[in-house]
Amino acid sequence: MGLRTISLLSIVAFLMVGCAASSPAPVTEADGEAVEQGGGESEPSSAPALPTPRWKPEVSSKFDSPWPTDVTIDELINTALYRSNEFFDEVRVPDCVVPYQLHLGDPMLDIHKPMVEDLVLSTTELFCDYLDSELIVIGGNYDYVLEVMAENQYPGDDFGGVCGYPVENDYASACAYKGVAWIGINWGRMRGGEVFTEGRRITIAAHEIFHLIHDGLDPAAAGSSPPPGSPNFRPVWYIEGGGEFFGRIIANYLELYPYDRFTPTDRNGAFLEVTYLSDLELLEVSQQRAFGTENYFSGQRAMEYMVANKGMGAVLEVWENLGEGMNFYQAFESAMGITLEEFYEIFDVMHTNLYATDLVTNEY
């Protein structure tokens, strides 16, 4: 059974940021009242303010040469942002005819519902050329997810949901399964009459929706990350790093939330060794020294590095190649122009060098 889950219980300490017609045929349900907070205070009518972006889209001259290893984190991310914006500007289809189904229930705040719909609609526009079926997105508590799944007869797991297990703490999860993405219960809450928007929940929503995109390009993996030696081997760092990067880059491009990063720590709060985080071959399978976030973290860095060097189209081409029957090694080399082994060696050097700059703190 293929599914993906993000558990905020395991990653909240590291990832949460406090603070068919001729036109698209969205079906939106917003049938849950906004959750009452603090004695029923009303929601403001304006959109919540967002943090000032740290990074800006501009190309570093270091990427004039292929696969540079002496870059800073700012040069890496700024270049990846530029390449991503350039790609989205070119491929976006404002009148994309791919429909979507959007269901929103309690406790999603009313002020966040248009933002969610903007994310879903804009994602169909950004990836219109890569989509051949509708997107199904659900936001709200998990009882609402089960209700929507049953009423619409969406394909679900053995428990009628999308997470592969009975969800008990729906505050801390988000999942994608067989063309359906559950983006979590909400995007924030009310505090003292003010909207508290949790930026990490926005990027997690985009993360889960992106899983629907690449699963459509690569159906053979059945929404999972089979380990090395398996017929449909897919590295966890590539799949979850892809979700992490695209989730953040989509939210940034749509001005829903600025691009961000995090630094994983172990169960005692200590930083992980650079040698461990730079070893993508190790991270082909899920690791647990940082509750599994190490695969997401290093995968996001690897995505930035590939996009900065080859562009976003090349990253998506890997999934397209997989969908055409190539194995991962062939798909990667065809799109990137170097073997996976060569990429691992270069990334190790580049990522290790990043730690000579500022990649050792938990500052966002």
Protein backbone atom coordinates (compact mmCIF):
# COMPACT_ATOMS: atom_id res chain seq x y z
CA MET A 1 0.00 0.00 0.00
CA GLY A 2 1.44 3.35 -1.02
CA LEU A 3 1.03 6.34 1.25
CA ARG A 4 2.93 9.18 2.79
CA THR A 5 2.55 10.72 6.17
CA ILE A 6 3.99 13.77 7.85
CA SER A 7 3.66 13.55 11.61
CA LEU A 8 3.98 16.89 13.32
CA LEU A 9 4.41 15.13 16.64
CA SER A 10 7.80 13.90 15.46
CA ILE A 11 8.91 16.98 13.56
CA VAL A 12 7.16 19.90 15.23
CA ALA A 13 10.24 20.88 17.23
CA PHE A 14 12.22 21.23 14.04
CA LEU A 15 9.82 22.28 11.34
CA MET A 16 6.99 24.35 12.75
CA VAL A 17 7.44 28.07 12.22
CA GLY A 18 5.74 30.06 14.94
CA CYS A 19 4.35 32.96 13.96
CA ALA A 20 -14.67 18.65 -17.05
CA ALA A 21 -15.46 21.71 -18.61
CA SER A 22 -13.58 24.10 -20.84
CA SER A 23 -12.41 25.93 -17.73
CA PRO A 24 -11.23 24.74 -14.31
CA ALA A 25 -14.05 23.05 -12.45
CA PRO A 26 -13.28 23.34 -8.76
CA VAL A 27 -15.64 21.85 -6.23
CA THR A 28 -15.14 23.55 -2.89
CA GLU A 29 -16.75 22.57 0.36
CA ALA A 30 -16.35 24.86 3.35
CA ASP A 31 -19.05 23.32 5.44
CA GLY A 32 -17.34 23.58 8.83
CA GLU A 33 -17.70 26.72 10.88
CA ALA A 34 -14.46 28.39 11.89
CA VAL A 35 -13.33 26.99 15.23
CA GLU A 36 -14.19 29.19 18.16
CA GLN A 37 -11.16 30.43 20.03
CA GLY A 38 -10.93 32.48 23.19
CA GLY A 39 -14.63 32.75 23.92
CA GLY A 40 -15.86 33.10 20.37
CA GLU A 41 -13.83 36.05 19.16
CA SER A 42 -14.55 36.98 15.57
CA GLU A 43 -12.02 36.65 12.79
CA PRO A 44 -10.52 39.74 11.11
CA SER A 45 -11.36 40.22 7.46
CA SER A 46 -7.85 40.92 6.17
CA ALA A 47 -5.21 38.32 5.38
CA PRO A 48 -2.58 37.69 8.05
CA ALA A 49 0.80 39.37 7.76
CA LEU A 50 3.77 37.26 6.64
CA PRO A 51 7.41 37.32 7.76
CA THR A 52 9.99 39.19 5.70
CA PRO A 53 11.68 36.76 3.28
CA ARG A 54 15.31 36.01 4.06
CA TRP A 55 16.27 34.93 0.54
CA LYS A 56 15.78 36.63 -2.82
CA PRO A 57 15.82 35.13 -6.34
CA GLU A 58 19.16 35.90 -7.90
CA VAL A 59 21.74 33.72 -9.64
CA SER A 60 25.20 33.32 -8.18
CA SER A 61 28.02 33.42 -10.73
CA LYS A 62 29.40 30.30 -9.10
CA PHE A 63 26.73 28.32 -10.92
CA ASP A 64 28.19 29.41 -14.26
CA SER A 65 30.30 26.27 -13.79
CA PRO A 66 28.55 22.91 -13.39
CA TRP A 67 28.08 21.52 -9.88
CA PRO A 68 30.18 24.02 -7.86
CA THR A 69 31.06 22.85 -4.36
CA ASP A 70 32.25 26.12 -2.78
CA VAL A 71 28.87 27.83 -2.44
CA THR A 72 27.26 29.44 0.61
CA ILE A 73 23.74 28.64 1.75
CA ASP A 74 22.55 32.03 0.50
CA GLU A 75 24.10 31.51 -2.94
CA LEU A 76 22.54 28.07 -3.13
CA ILE A 77 19.02 29.06 -2.08
CA ASN A 78 18.96 32.37 -3.96
CA THR A 79 19.93 30.59 -7.18
CA ALA A 80 17.39 27.82 -6.62
CA LEU A 81 14.71 30.46 -6.02
CA TYR A 82 15.60 32.21 -9.26
CA ARG A 83 15.54 28.99 -11.30
CA SER A 84 12.23 27.99 -9.72
CA ASN A 85 10.55 31.34 -10.35
CA GLU A 86 11.85 31.29 -13.90
CA PHE A 87 10.35 27.83 -14.42
CA PHE A 88 6.98 28.68 -12.89
CA ASP A 89 6.73 31.91 -14.90
CA GLU A 90 7.29 29.92 -18.08
CA VAL A 91 5.05 26.90 -17.51
CA ARG A 92 2.11 28.38 -15.56
CA VAL A 93 -1.19 27.93 -17.40
CA PRO A 94 -3.75 30.42 -16.00
CA ASP A 95 -6.65 28.70 -17.80
CA CYS A 96 -5.63 25.15 -16.92
CA VAL A 97 -8.55 22.78 -17.48
CA VAL A 98 -7.50 20.24 -14.83
CA PRO A 99 -10.25 20.27 -12.19
CA TYR A 100 -9.77 19.92 -8.46
CA GLN A 101 -11.91 18.83 -5.55
CA LEU A 102 -11.46 20.84 -2.35
CA HIS A 103 -13.17 19.94 0.92
CA LEU A 104 -12.65 22.17 3.97
CA GLY A 105 -14.17 21.55 7.41
CA ASP A 106 -13.59 22.32 11.07
CA PRO A 107 -11.34 23.69 12.49
CA MET A 108 -10.04 25.55 9.41
CA LEU A 109 -10.42 29.29 10.00
CA ASP A 110 -12.50 31.21 7.49
CA ILE A 111 -9.65 33.63 6.85
CA HIS A 112 -7.43 30.73 5.74
CA LYS A 113 -9.91 29.04 3.41
CA PRO A 114 -9.31 31.38 0.44
CA MET A 115 -5.59 30.88 0.94
CA VAL A 116 -6.03 27.11 0.76
CA GLU A 117 -8.09 27.38 -2.39
CA ASP A 118 -5.53 29.73 -3.92
CA LEU A 119 -2.84 27.13 -3.21
CA VAL A 120 -4.81 24.30 -4.82
CA LEU A 121 -5.94 26.28 -7.87
CA SER A 122 -2.49 27.76 -8.40
CA THR A 123 -0.86 24.33 -8.10
CA THR A 124 -3.01 23.05 -10.96
CA GLU A 125 -1.87 26.06 -13.00
CA LEU A 126 1.81 25.62 -12.15
CA PHE A 127 1.82 21.91 -12.99
CA CYS A 128 -0.89 21.85 -15.64
CA ASP A 129 1.44 20.23 -18.18
CA TYR A 130 2.28 17.50 -15.66
CA LEU A 131 -1.27 16.64 -14.59
CA ASP A 132 -3.66 14.23 -16.23
CA SER A 133 -6.17 13.77 -13.40
CA GLU A 134 -7.90 15.98 -10.85
CA LEU A 135 -6.42 16.89 -7.49
CA ILE A 136 -8.41 15.94 -4.41
CA VAL A 137 -7.56 17.93 -1.29
CA ILE A 138 -9.12 17.74 2.17
CA GLY A 139 -8.52 20.06 5.12
CA GLY A 140 -10.02 19.66 8.57
CA ASN A 141 -10.09 17.18 11.40
CA TYR A 142 -9.67 13.50 10.60
CA ASP A 143 -13.29 12.61 11.34
CA TYR A 144 -14.16 15.04 8.57
CA VAL A 145 -11.61 13.34 6.30
CA LEU A 146 -13.26 9.95 6.89
CA GLU A 147 -16.67 11.47 6.23
CA VAL A 148 -15.56 13.05 2.94
CA MET A 149 -13.80 9.87 1.83
CA ALA A 150 -16.91 7.77 2.44
CA GLU A 151 -19.42 10.20 0.94
CA ASN A 152 -17.40 10.67 -2.25
CA GLN A 153 -16.12 7.09 -2.45
CA TYR A 154 -12.55 8.28 -2.84
CA PRO A 155 -9.91 5.52 -2.85
CA GLY A 156 -8.74 5.07 0.72
CA ASP A 157 -6.58 2.91 2.92
CA ASP A 158 -7.79 -0.12 4.89
CA PHE A 159 -9.24 2.23 7.49
CA GLY A 160 -11.18 4.42 5.09
CA GLY A 161 -8.68 7.27 5.31
CA VAL A 162 -5.41 8.37 3.75
CA CYS A 163 -2.75 7.70 6.40
CA GLY A 164 -2.59 3.90 6.51
CA TYR A 165 -3.47 3.70 10.20
CA PRO A 166 -6.24 4.89 12.56
CA VAL A 167 -5.35 8.54 13.22
CA GLU A 168 -5.78 9.44 16.89
CA ASN A 169 -3.96 12.78 17.06
CA ASP A 170 -5.15 14.59 13.98
CA TYR A 171 -3.56 17.84 15.15
CA ALA A 172 -0.18 16.39 14.30
CA SER A 173 -0.52 14.70 10.90
CA ALA A 174 -0.93 15.23 7.18
CA CYS A 175 -0.99 12.47 4.55
CA ALA A 176 -1.34 11.69 0.85
CA TYR A 177 -2.70 8.48 -0.66
CA LYS A 178 -3.86 7.42 -4.13
CA GLY A 179 -4.62 10.87 -5.46
CA VAL A 180 -6.03 12.30 -2.22
CA ALA A 181 -4.11 14.75 -0.03
CA TRP A 182 -5.12 15.53 3.54
CA ILE A 183 -3.33 18.81 4.34
CA GLY A 184 -3.96 18.74 8.10
CA ILE A 185 -6.57 20.24 10.37
CA ASN A 186 -5.91 23.96 9.83
CA TRP A 187 -3.39 26.69 9.01
CA GLY A 188 -3.46 28.38 12.42
CA ARG A 189 -5.74 29.72 15.09
CA MET A 190 -6.93 32.87 16.88
CA ARG A 191 -4.91 34.40 19.71
CA GLY A 192 -6.23 37.42 21.56
CA GLY A 193 -8.31 38.53 18.61
CA GLU A 194 -5.41 38.14 16.16
CA VAL A 195 -4.86 35.47 13.54
CA PHE A 196 -1.90 33.25 14.31
CA THR A 197 -0.89 31.67 10.99
CA GLU A 198 1.47 28.73 11.27
CA GLY A 199 3.68 28.96 8.23
CA ARG A 200 4.86 25.39 8.57
CA ARG A 201 1.29 24.16 8.07
CA ILE A 202 1.08 26.05 4.77
CA THR A 203 4.23 24.43 3.44
CA ILE A 204 3.15 21.01 4.70
CA ALA A 205 -0.09 21.42 2.74
CA ALA A 206 1.87 22.23 -0.41
CA HIS A 207 4.22 19.31 0.38
CA GLU A 208 1.34 16.82 0.45
CA ILE A 209 -0.25 18.26 -2.68
CA PHE A 210 3.06 17.96 -4.53
CA HIS A 211 3.14 14.25 -3.70
CA LEU A 212 0.01 13.97 -5.85
CA ILE A 213 1.90 15.60 -8.74
CA HIS A 214 4.90 13.28 -8.81
CA ASP A 215 2.82 10.20 -7.99
CA GLY A 216 0.87 10.93 -11.14
CA LEU A 217 4.10 11.11 -13.14
CA ASP A 218 5.49 7.95 -11.52
CA PRO A 219 2.60 5.59 -10.73
CA ALA A 220 4.80 2.46 -10.58
CA ALA A 221 6.11 3.41 -7.13
CA ALA A 222 2.51 3.33 -5.86
CA GLY A 223 3.04 6.36 -3.66
CA SER A 224 5.90 4.85 -1.68
CA SER A 225 9.71 4.84 -1.47
CA PRO A 226 10.84 1.24 -2.09
CA PRO A 227 14.38 0.60 -0.75
CA PRO A 228 17.53 -0.09 -2.81
CA GLY A 229 17.35 -3.44 -4.57
CA SER A 230 13.60 -3.18 -5.07
CA PRO A 231 12.24 -3.11 -8.64
CA ASN A 232 10.81 0.38 -8.08
CA PHE A 233 13.56 1.78 -5.86
CA ARG A 234 12.93 5.44 -4.96
CA PRO A 235 15.28 7.15 -2.44
CA VAL A 236 13.49 8.64 0.55
CA TRP A 237 15.71 11.73 0.31
CA TYR A 238 14.45 12.32 -3.24
CA ILE A 239 10.75 11.71 -2.55
CA GLU A 240 10.47 13.51 0.78
CA GLY A 241 13.14 16.04 -0.05
CA GLY A 242 11.14 16.77 -3.18
CA GLY A 243 8.00 17.26 -1.14
CA GLU A 244 9.87 19.47 1.30
CA PHE A 245 11.49 21.64 -1.38
CA PHE A 246 8.47 21.94 -3.64
CA GLY A 247 6.14 22.56 -0.72
CA ARG A 248 8.25 25.48 0.42
CA ILE A 249 9.04 26.82 -3.05
CA ILE A 250 5.39 26.74 -4.16
CA ALA A 251 4.27 28.61 -1.03
CA ASN A 252 7.03 31.14 -1.61
CA TYR A 253 6.19 31.68 -5.29
CA LEU A 254 2.52 32.20 -4.49
CA GLU A 255 3.45 34.58 -1.66
CA LEU A 256 1.64 32.40 0.86
CA TYR A 257 4.75 31.97 3.00
CA PRO A 258 8.45 32.81 2.48
CA TYR A 259 10.91 30.05 1.60
CA ASP A 260 12.43 28.52 4.69
CA ARG A 261 14.69 25.81 6.02
CA PHE A 262 15.36 24.06 9.31
CA THR A 263 18.19 22.24 11.05
CA PRO A 264 17.42 18.77 12.45
CA THR A 265 18.61 17.72 15.89
CA ASP A 266 18.67 14.38 17.67
CA ARG A 267 16.39 13.32 20.51
CA ASN A 268 18.51 15.27 22.99
CA GLY A 269 18.44 18.44 20.94
CA ALA A 270 22.03 18.09 19.76
CA PHE A 271 23.03 18.95 16.20
CA LEU A 272 23.70 16.02 13.88
CA GLU A 273 27.14 15.47 12.39
CA VAL A 274 27.75 16.96 8.96
CA THR A 275 29.09 13.61 7.74
CA TYR A 276 25.76 11.99 8.59
CA LEU A 277 23.62 14.65 6.91
CA SER A 278 25.85 14.76 3.83
CA ASP A 279 25.52 11.01 3.13
CA LEU A 280 22.64 10.75 0.64
CA GLU A 281 23.31 7.07 0.06
CA LEU A 282 22.60 6.44 3.74
CA LEU A 283 19.49 8.59 3.43
CA GLU A 284 18.09 6.49 0.60
CA VAL A 285 16.11 4.79 3.37
CA SER A 286 14.41 6.48 6.31
CA GLN A 287 16.70 7.20 9.25
CA GLN A 288 15.60 7.99 12.80
CA ARG A 289 18.34 9.83 14.66
CA ALA A 290 16.31 13.00 14.07
CA PHE A 291 12.89 11.33 13.97
CA GLY A 292 13.20 10.88 10.19
CA THR A 293 13.60 14.61 9.50
CA GLU A 294 17.16 14.07 8.30
CA ASN A 295 15.83 12.61 5.04
CA TYR A 296 13.66 15.69 4.54
CA PHE A 297 16.44 18.11 5.48
CA SER A 298 19.22 16.72 3.29
CA GLY A 299 16.74 15.99 0.53
CA GLN A 300 15.69 19.64 0.51
CA ARG A 301 19.35 20.70 0.24
CA ALA A 302 19.86 18.21 -2.59
CA MET A 303 16.81 19.56 -4.42
CA GLU A 304 18.13 23.12 -4.09
CA TYR A 305 21.46 21.97 -5.48
CA MET A 306 19.90 20.16 -8.45
CA VAL A 307 17.53 23.03 -9.25
CA ALA A 308 20.30 25.63 -8.96
CA ASN A 309 22.43 23.61 -11.40
CA LYS A 310 19.96 22.05 -13.83
CA GLY A 311 16.64 23.81 -13.27
CA MET A 312 13.33 22.58 -11.93
CA GLY A 313 12.41 20.92 -15.20
CA ALA A 314 15.28 18.45 -14.79
CA VAL A 315 14.06 17.44 -11.32
CA LEU A 316 10.57 16.76 -12.68
CA GLU A 317 12.12 14.96 -15.64
CA VAL A 318 13.44 12.32 -13.26
CA TRP A 319 9.86 11.45 -12.32
CA GLU A 320 8.83 11.57 -15.97
CA ASN A 321 11.63 9.15 -16.84
CA LEU A 322 10.50 6.83 -14.08
CA GLY A 323 6.99 6.94 -15.49
CA GLU A 324 8.39 5.87 -18.85
CA GLY A 325 9.92 2.74 -17.33
CA MET A 326 13.48 3.75 -16.44
CA ASN A 327 14.89 2.65 -13.10
CA PHE A 328 15.96 5.42 -10.71
CA TYR A 329 19.63 5.29 -11.66
CA GLN A 330 18.82 5.64 -15.36
CA ALA A 331 16.16 8.30 -14.77
CA PHE A 332 18.49 10.39 -12.63
CA GLU A 333 21.48 10.23 -14.99
CA SER A 334 19.35 11.00 -18.05
CA ALA A 335 17.92 14.14 -16.42
CA MET A 336 20.95 15.36 -14.47
CA GLY A 337 23.77 14.45 -16.83
CA ILE A 338 25.79 12.72 -14.10
CA THR A 339 25.40 9.36 -12.41
CA LEU A 340 23.75 9.05 -9.02
CA GLU A 341 27.06 7.93 -7.54
CA GLU A 342 28.81 11.01 -8.94
CA PHE A 343 26.07 13.24 -7.54
CA TYR A 344 26.46 11.69 -4.09
CA GLU A 345 30.19 12.41 -4.13
CA ILE A 346 29.75 16.02 -5.27
CA PHE A 347 26.90 16.69 -2.85
CA ASP A 348 28.96 15.35 0.04
CA VAL A 349 31.69 17.91 -0.67
CA MET A 350 29.28 20.79 -1.30
CA HIS A 351 27.13 20.08 1.74
CA THR A 352 30.14 19.69 4.01
CA ASN A 353 31.43 23.06 2.80
CA LEU A 354 28.10 24.68 3.69
CA TYR A 355 28.93 24.06 7.32
CA ALA A 356 31.84 26.46 7.00
CA THR A 357 29.19 29.21 6.68
CA ASP A 358 26.02 29.32 8.79
CA LEU A 359 24.35 25.94 8.46
CA VAL A 360 24.85 24.87 12.06
CA THR A 361 22.09 26.68 13.92
CA ASN A 362 18.36 26.27 14.32
CA GLU A 363 17.71 29.83 13.22
CA TYR A 364 15.23 30.13 10.39
